[in-house]
N, C-alpha and C. Protein backbone atom coordinates (compact mmCIF):
# COMPACT_ATOMS: atom_id res chain seq x y z
N MET A 1 -19.57 46.20 13.39
CA MET A 1 -19.86 45.22 14.21
C MET A 1 -18.50 45.83 15.82
N LEU A 2 -17.75 45.87 15.37
CA LEU A 2 -16.65 46.50 16.32
C LEU A 2 -16.98 47.94 16.76
N GLN A 3 -18.06 48.39 16.85
CA GLN A 3 -18.15 49.30 17.22
C GLN A 3 -18.92 49.28 18.26
N LEU A 4 -19.74 48.52 18.01
CA LEU A 4 -20.69 47.86 19.64
C LEU A 4 -20.00 46.32 20.19
N TYR A 5 -18.56 46.21 19.61
CA TYR A 5 -18.30 44.93 20.40
C TYR A 5 -17.65 45.61 22.49
N GLN A 6 -18.51 45.81 23.02
CA GLN A 6 -17.41 46.11 25.11
C GLN A 6 -18.20 47.62 24.85
N ASN A 7 -18.70 47.99 24.39
CA ASN A 7 -19.43 49.80 23.87
C ASN A 7 -19.87 49.65 25.23
N PRO A 8 -19.44 50.52 25.96
CA PRO A 8 -20.05 51.01 26.98
C PRO A 8 -20.81 51.97 27.17
N ASN A 9 -21.07 52.93 26.03
CA ASN A 9 -21.79 53.66 25.95
C ASN A 9 -22.84 54.11 25.07
N TRP A 10 -23.84 53.92 26.03
CA TRP A 10 -25.53 52.46 25.75
C TRP A 10 -26.13 54.55 25.99
N VAL A 11 -26.93 54.07 24.99
CA VAL A 11 -28.13 55.51 24.57
C VAL A 11 -29.01 55.09 26.11
N ASP A 12 -30.05 54.01 25.77
CA ASP A 12 -31.16 53.48 26.51
C ASP A 12 -30.53 52.47 27.38
N GLU A 13 -31.61 51.56 28.07
CA GLU A 13 -31.85 50.76 28.09
C GLU A 13 -31.33 49.23 26.98
N ASN A 14 -32.50 49.47 25.85
CA ASN A 14 -32.37 48.84 24.81
C ASN A 14 -31.27 48.47 23.90
N SER A 15 -30.74 49.52 23.90
CA SER A 15 -29.14 49.69 23.60
C SER A 15 -27.86 48.92 24.55
N ARG A 16 -27.82 49.16 25.46
CA ARG A 16 -27.57 48.30 26.25
C ARG A 16 -27.31 46.89 25.80
N PHE A 17 -28.31 46.69 25.95
CA PHE A 17 -29.00 44.71 26.15
C PHE A 17 -28.59 44.93 24.23
N ASN A 18 -28.51 45.26 23.50
CA ASN A 18 -28.95 45.11 22.46
C ASN A 18 -26.71 45.39 22.07
N TYR A 19 -25.61 45.67 22.58
CA TYR A 19 -24.42 46.26 23.06
C TYR A 19 -24.05 44.49 23.26
N GLU A 20 -24.66 44.51 24.61
CA GLU A 20 -23.61 43.23 25.34
C GLU A 20 -24.42 42.38 24.96
N GLY A 21 -25.37 41.63 24.03
CA GLY A 21 -26.01 40.94 22.96
C GLY A 21 -24.76 40.77 21.77
N VAL A 22 -23.82 41.67 21.24
CA VAL A 22 -23.22 41.81 20.52
C VAL A 22 -21.87 41.09 21.23
N THR A 23 -21.72 41.75 21.94
CA THR A 23 -19.91 41.37 22.37
C THR A 23 -20.63 40.03 22.81
N ALA A 24 -21.34 39.08 23.41
CA ALA A 24 -21.51 37.58 24.27
C ALA A 24 -21.95 36.68 22.87
N VAL A 25 -22.52 37.73 21.59
CA VAL A 25 -22.63 36.25 20.32
C VAL A 25 -20.61 36.70 20.08
N TRP A 26 -19.77 37.72 20.06
CA TRP A 26 -18.37 37.30 18.99
C TRP A 26 -17.59 37.22 20.45
N ASP A 27 -17.67 37.09 21.63
CA ASP A 27 -16.88 36.04 22.35
C ASP A 27 -17.44 34.71 22.51
N ARG A 28 -18.57 33.93 21.91
CA ARG A 28 -18.75 32.47 21.98
C ARG A 28 -18.16 32.46 20.81
N THR A 29 -18.36 33.19 19.80
CA THR A 29 -17.74 32.91 18.57
C THR A 29 -16.51 32.60 18.43
N MET A 30 -16.12 33.36 19.21
CA MET A 30 -14.19 33.70 18.69
C MET A 30 -14.10 32.57 19.80
N PHE A 31 -14.52 32.25 21.00
CA PHE A 31 -14.30 31.17 21.71
C PHE A 31 -14.11 29.50 20.94
N ASN A 32 -15.48 29.10 20.55
CA ASN A 32 -15.95 28.31 20.41
C ASN A 32 -14.53 27.62 18.57
N TYR A 33 -14.97 28.96 18.28
CA TYR A 33 -14.24 28.43 16.57
C TYR A 33 -13.02 28.55 16.89
N GLN A 34 -12.29 29.22 17.03
CA GLN A 34 -10.94 29.72 18.08
C GLN A 34 -10.68 30.11 16.67
N CYS A 35 -11.43 32.06 16.88
CA CYS A 35 -10.71 32.28 15.29
C CYS A 35 -11.07 33.84 16.26
N CYS A 36 -10.45 34.63 15.25
CA CYS A 36 -10.43 35.74 16.24
C CYS A 36 -11.05 37.23 14.96
N GLY A 37 -11.88 38.56 15.04
CA GLY A 37 -11.92 39.05 14.62
C GLY A 37 -13.02 38.69 13.71
N VAL A 38 -13.51 39.39 12.32
CA VAL A 38 -13.59 39.40 11.09
C VAL A 38 -12.83 38.35 10.24
N ASN A 39 -12.01 39.40 10.11
CA ASN A 39 -10.11 38.83 8.60
C ASN A 39 -9.35 38.51 9.98
N GLY A 40 -9.04 38.78 11.44
CA GLY A 40 -8.00 37.95 12.07
C GLY A 40 -7.91 39.69 13.08
N PRO A 41 -6.63 38.66 13.74
CA PRO A 41 -6.30 39.81 14.89
C PRO A 41 -6.06 41.38 14.09
N GLN A 42 -6.07 41.59 13.27
CA GLN A 42 -5.54 42.92 12.84
C GLN A 42 -7.02 43.73 12.66
N ASP A 43 -8.06 42.85 12.79
CA ASP A 43 -9.11 44.03 12.33
C ASP A 43 -9.18 44.56 13.77
N TRP A 44 -8.82 44.68 15.21
CA TRP A 44 -8.90 45.24 15.83
C TRP A 44 -8.23 46.06 16.26
N GLN A 45 -7.02 46.26 15.02
CA GLN A 45 -5.48 46.90 15.35
C GLN A 45 -5.67 48.15 14.59
N ALA A 46 -6.47 48.09 13.19
CA ALA A 46 -6.42 48.15 12.05
C ALA A 46 -8.07 49.60 11.84
N TYR A 47 -8.81 49.13 13.13
CA TYR A 47 -10.55 50.06 12.69
C TYR A 47 -10.64 50.23 14.64
N GLY A 48 -11.47 51.66 13.77
CA GLY A 48 -11.72 51.94 15.10
C GLY A 48 -12.69 51.40 15.89
N SER A 49 -12.17 50.67 17.01
CA SER A 49 -13.52 50.61 17.70
C SER A 49 -14.02 50.86 19.40
N ALA A 50 -14.88 50.63 19.84
CA ALA A 50 -15.59 50.47 21.20
C ALA A 50 -14.13 49.41 21.85
N PHE A 51 -13.41 49.06 21.67
CA PHE A 51 -12.42 47.64 22.47
C PHE A 51 -11.58 48.43 22.54
N ARG A 52 -10.91 48.98 21.28
CA ARG A 52 -9.79 50.07 21.47
C ARG A 52 -9.68 51.28 21.87
N GLU A 53 -10.91 52.16 22.15
CA GLU A 53 -10.81 52.95 23.10
C GLU A 53 -10.68 52.40 24.80
N ALA A 54 -11.54 51.81 25.20
CA ALA A 54 -11.33 51.08 26.07
C ALA A 54 -9.61 50.46 27.11
N HIS A 55 -9.83 49.59 25.53
CA HIS A 55 -7.79 48.72 26.17
C HIS A 55 -7.08 49.70 25.22
N PRO A 56 -6.46 50.27 25.64
CA PRO A 56 -5.50 51.18 24.91
C PRO A 56 -4.57 50.01 24.20
N GLU A 57 -3.94 49.84 22.60
CA GLU A 57 -3.29 48.47 22.48
C GLU A 57 -2.22 48.27 23.10
N GLY A 58 -0.88 48.98 23.54
CA GLY A 58 -0.08 48.78 24.22
C GLY A 58 -0.16 47.90 25.63
N ASP A 59 -1.80 48.10 26.21
CA ASP A 59 -2.20 47.76 27.10
C ASP A 59 -2.65 45.95 26.53
N PHE A 60 -4.22 45.69 25.80
CA PHE A 60 -3.79 44.49 25.29
C PHE A 60 -4.56 44.54 23.97
N PRO A 61 -4.00 44.40 22.76
CA PRO A 61 -4.20 44.78 21.57
C PRO A 61 -5.51 44.03 21.15
N TRP A 62 -5.94 42.85 21.27
CA TRP A 62 -7.18 42.26 20.89
C TRP A 62 -7.69 41.16 22.15
N PRO A 63 -9.45 40.97 21.72
CA PRO A 63 -9.45 40.61 23.01
C PRO A 63 -9.32 38.98 23.78
N LEU A 64 -9.44 38.69 25.07
CA LEU A 64 -8.91 37.24 25.43
C LEU A 64 -8.92 36.17 24.52
N GLN A 65 -10.60 36.44 23.91
CA GLN A 65 -11.05 35.19 23.13
C GLN A 65 -10.18 34.90 21.78
N CYS A 66 -9.24 35.60 21.69
CA CYS A 66 -8.09 35.32 20.69
C CYS A 66 -6.87 34.99 20.34
N CYS A 67 -6.56 34.94 22.10
CA CYS A 67 -5.87 33.44 22.76
C CYS A 67 -5.87 32.55 22.37
N SER A 68 -4.56 31.67 21.96
CA SER A 68 -4.88 30.15 21.89
C SER A 68 -5.19 29.52 23.63
N LEU A 69 -5.81 28.68 23.83
CA LEU A 69 -6.56 28.05 24.59
C LEU A 69 -5.55 26.55 24.36
N ASP A 70 -4.99 26.63 25.95
CA ASP A 70 -4.02 24.60 26.09
C ASP A 70 -5.29 23.53 25.98
N PRO A 71 -5.44 22.93 25.52
CA PRO A 71 -6.46 21.69 25.53
C PRO A 71 -6.60 21.00 26.71
N ALA A 72 -5.53 20.85 28.08
CA ALA A 72 -6.02 20.24 28.59
C ALA A 72 -6.35 21.03 29.93
N SER A 73 -6.24 22.00 30.11
CA SER A 73 -6.58 22.80 31.29
C SER A 73 -7.81 23.49 30.63
N GLY A 74 -7.57 24.27 28.96
CA GLY A 74 -9.19 25.23 29.24
C GLY A 74 -8.47 26.63 29.56
N LEU A 75 -7.28 26.85 29.80
CA LEU A 75 -6.91 28.03 30.04
C LEU A 75 -5.91 28.90 28.70
N ILE A 76 -5.65 30.22 29.13
CA ILE A 76 -4.85 30.57 28.00
C ILE A 76 -3.50 30.16 27.87
N ARG A 77 -3.09 30.01 26.64
CA ARG A 77 -1.29 29.22 27.05
C ARG A 77 -0.34 30.44 27.94
N ASP A 78 -0.78 31.11 27.55
CA ASP A 78 0.45 32.39 27.62
C ASP A 78 0.32 33.60 27.43
N LEU A 79 -0.76 34.74 28.21
CA LEU A 79 -0.75 35.36 28.48
C LEU A 79 0.02 36.58 27.30
N ASP A 80 0.94 36.82 27.90
CA ASP A 80 2.02 37.73 27.24
C ASP A 80 2.59 37.29 25.67
N ALA A 81 2.69 36.11 25.11
CA ALA A 81 2.87 35.50 24.02
C ALA A 81 1.90 36.15 22.96
N CYS A 82 0.14 36.09 23.72
CA CYS A 82 -0.38 35.82 23.20
C CYS A 82 -0.90 37.82 22.62
N ARG A 83 -0.25 38.65 23.84
CA ARG A 83 -0.35 40.07 24.14
C ARG A 83 0.83 40.80 22.93
N LEU A 84 1.73 40.33 22.74
CA LEU A 84 2.56 40.06 21.58
C LEU A 84 2.46 39.60 20.27
N GLY A 85 1.07 38.79 19.81
CA GLY A 85 0.74 38.23 18.71
C GLY A 85 1.80 37.18 18.13
N LEU A 86 2.41 36.13 18.92
CA LEU A 86 3.14 35.15 18.58
C LEU A 86 2.38 34.10 17.79
N ALA A 87 3.46 33.06 17.12
CA ALA A 87 2.29 32.16 16.41
C ALA A 87 2.15 31.32 17.56
N GLY A 88 1.33 30.54 17.52
CA GLY A 88 1.02 29.23 18.09
C GLY A 88 0.08 30.14 19.42
N TYR A 89 0.29 31.17 19.69
CA TYR A 89 -1.00 31.45 21.25
C TYR A 89 -1.92 33.04 20.74
N LEU A 90 -1.79 32.91 19.58
CA LEU A 90 -2.94 33.73 18.98
C LEU A 90 -3.69 32.81 17.84
N ASN A 91 -4.86 32.95 18.01
CA ASN A 91 -6.23 32.60 16.84
C ASN A 91 -5.47 33.49 15.83
N THR A 92 -5.20 33.21 14.32
CA THR A 92 -4.86 34.30 13.56
C THR A 92 -6.39 34.01 12.23
N PRO A 93 -6.79 33.32 11.91
CA PRO A 93 -7.83 32.99 11.67
C PRO A 93 -8.79 34.02 11.85
N GLY A 94 -9.54 34.67 10.78
CA GLY A 94 -10.59 35.66 11.39
C GLY A 94 -11.95 34.71 11.19
N CYS A 95 -13.05 35.05 11.93
CA CYS A 95 -14.08 34.30 11.98
C CYS A 95 -15.45 34.21 10.92
N TYR A 96 -15.39 35.02 9.57
CA TYR A 96 -15.88 35.50 8.75
C TYR A 96 -16.24 34.14 7.97
N ASP A 97 -15.83 33.20 7.40
CA ASP A 97 -15.59 31.79 7.20
C ASP A 97 -16.19 30.58 7.68
N TYR A 98 -15.87 31.39 9.15
CA TYR A 98 -17.05 30.39 10.11
C TYR A 98 -18.30 31.01 10.40
N VAL A 99 -18.53 32.49 10.21
CA VAL A 99 -20.19 32.58 10.14
C VAL A 99 -20.48 32.79 8.97
N SER A 100 -20.09 32.92 7.72
CA SER A 100 -20.28 32.97 7.02
C SER A 100 -21.15 32.13 5.62
N GLY A 101 -20.54 30.63 6.29
CA GLY A 101 -20.68 29.55 5.71
C GLY A 101 -22.17 29.20 5.91
N PRO A 102 -22.80 28.80 7.22
CA PRO A 102 -23.98 28.56 7.38
C PRO A 102 -24.94 29.64 7.12
N LEU A 103 -24.54 31.23 6.89
CA LEU A 103 -25.87 31.59 6.43
C LEU A 103 -25.77 31.71 5.14
N HIS A 104 -24.74 31.70 4.45
CA HIS A 104 -25.02 31.09 3.17
C HIS A 104 -25.39 29.93 2.63
N ARG A 105 -25.74 29.16 2.68
CA ARG A 105 -26.56 27.78 2.84
C ARG A 105 -27.95 28.10 3.17
N ALA A 106 -28.12 28.48 4.23
CA ALA A 106 -29.39 29.25 4.84
C ALA A 106 -30.18 29.72 3.59
N ALA A 107 -29.64 30.90 3.13
CA ALA A 107 -29.53 32.27 1.97
C ALA A 107 -30.34 31.08 1.21
N TRP A 108 -29.40 29.87 0.13
CA TRP A 108 -29.55 29.15 -0.48
C TRP A 108 -31.32 28.42 -0.51
N GLY A 109 -31.18 28.12 0.31
CA GLY A 109 -32.58 27.40 0.67
C GLY A 109 -33.61 28.59 1.24
N VAL A 110 -33.50 29.54 1.45
CA VAL A 110 -34.90 30.08 1.54
C VAL A 110 -34.77 31.10 -0.17
N ALA A 111 -33.63 31.38 -0.89
CA ALA A 111 -33.96 31.54 -2.32
C ALA A 111 -34.75 31.01 -3.28
N TRP A 112 -34.31 29.37 -2.64
CA TRP A 112 -34.77 28.07 -3.89
C TRP A 112 -36.19 28.05 -3.48
N PHE A 113 -37.20 28.66 -2.38
CA PHE A 113 -38.10 28.42 -1.37
C PHE A 113 -39.02 29.06 -2.56
N GLY A 114 -37.90 30.91 -1.89
CA GLY A 114 -39.14 31.44 -2.58
C GLY A 114 -39.11 31.49 -4.41
N PHE A 115 -38.22 30.61 -5.04
CA PHE A 115 -38.07 30.72 -6.73
C PHE A 115 -39.66 29.94 -6.66
N ALA A 116 -39.72 28.90 -6.33
CA ALA A 116 -40.41 27.70 -6.53
C ALA A 116 -41.71 28.66 -6.11
N ILE A 117 -41.82 29.07 -5.31
CA ILE A 117 -43.45 29.90 -4.73
C ILE A 117 -42.99 30.78 -6.26
N LEU A 118 -42.57 31.37 -6.31
CA LEU A 118 -42.73 32.57 -7.53
C LEU A 118 -43.40 31.52 -8.92
N CYS A 119 -42.70 30.32 -9.65
CA CYS A 119 -42.96 29.96 -10.32
C CYS A 119 -44.49 29.30 -10.48
N TRP A 120 -45.22 28.77 -8.75
CA TRP A 120 -46.38 28.39 -8.69
C TRP A 120 -46.68 29.59 -8.75
N GLU A 121 -46.66 30.78 -8.41
CA GLU A 121 -47.86 31.70 -8.71
C GLU A 121 -48.01 32.44 -9.84
N PHE A 122 -46.53 32.41 -10.86
CA PHE A 122 -47.06 32.61 -12.35
C PHE A 122 -47.84 31.70 -13.26
N TRP A 123 -48.13 30.69 -12.95
CA TRP A 123 -48.75 29.99 -13.57
C TRP A 123 -50.21 30.19 -12.83
N VAL A 124 -50.33 30.05 -11.54
CA VAL A 124 -51.78 30.49 -10.79
C VAL A 124 -52.35 32.18 -11.68
N LEU A 125 -51.62 32.76 -11.47
CA LEU A 125 -51.51 33.95 -12.38
C LEU A 125 -52.28 33.89 -14.07
N LEU A 126 -51.30 33.11 -14.26
CA LEU A 126 -51.73 32.93 -16.22
C LEU A 126 -52.86 32.43 -16.32
N GLY A 127 -53.14 31.14 -15.14
CA GLY A 127 -55.09 30.41 -15.60
C GLY A 127 -55.33 31.52 -15.20
N THR A 128 -55.60 32.10 -13.98
CA THR A 128 -56.80 33.13 -13.60
C THR A 128 -56.69 33.97 -14.64
N MET A 129 -55.77 34.91 -14.92
CA MET A 129 -55.81 35.79 -16.42
C MET A 129 -56.92 34.76 -17.47
N TYR A 130 -56.05 33.60 -17.70
CA TYR A 130 -56.99 33.56 -19.05
C TYR A 130 -58.57 33.57 -18.57
N LEU A 131 -59.10 32.46 -17.37
CA LEU A 131 -59.86 32.59 -17.18
C LEU A 131 -60.78 33.59 -17.48
N TYR A 132 -60.30 35.07 -16.93
CA TYR A 132 -60.90 36.35 -16.80
C TYR A 132 -60.85 37.00 -18.05
N ASN A 133 -60.61 36.46 -19.12
CA ASN A 133 -60.69 37.07 -20.50
C ASN A 133 -61.43 36.11 -21.14
N ILE A 134 -61.82 34.58 -20.68
CA ILE A 134 -62.87 33.57 -21.36
C ILE A 134 -64.29 34.43 -20.98
N SER A 135 -64.43 34.83 -19.98
CA SER A 135 -65.62 34.83 -19.73
C SER A 135 -66.02 35.87 -20.01
């Protein structure tokens, strides 16, 4: 995911659309849930990414969506404090828990539905084999 975030090196129009889509989804997720990266802001520093290539660490170590917002105005509280990573000015929790929770719930529902179909299919096949053998 970090390789696709703000990646300006697309091969064709389809990959540009995909890269911009990944960037928009990550931006919206980090903004709405007030989180940063997958496991925290260190993701943007520890792993190679297109964002890191475009923005040197001294310029800005993580995307602006990682900065804490002032609840009254909706603007970034203090850009310099966020750039330095000071507590209270940078959203430190990662987005993994916010993203994985709904996916896990949906996966369990799909898995149980598939299991129910499998159980039904077992009895139908068993009955079909029985009828085939008695005729």
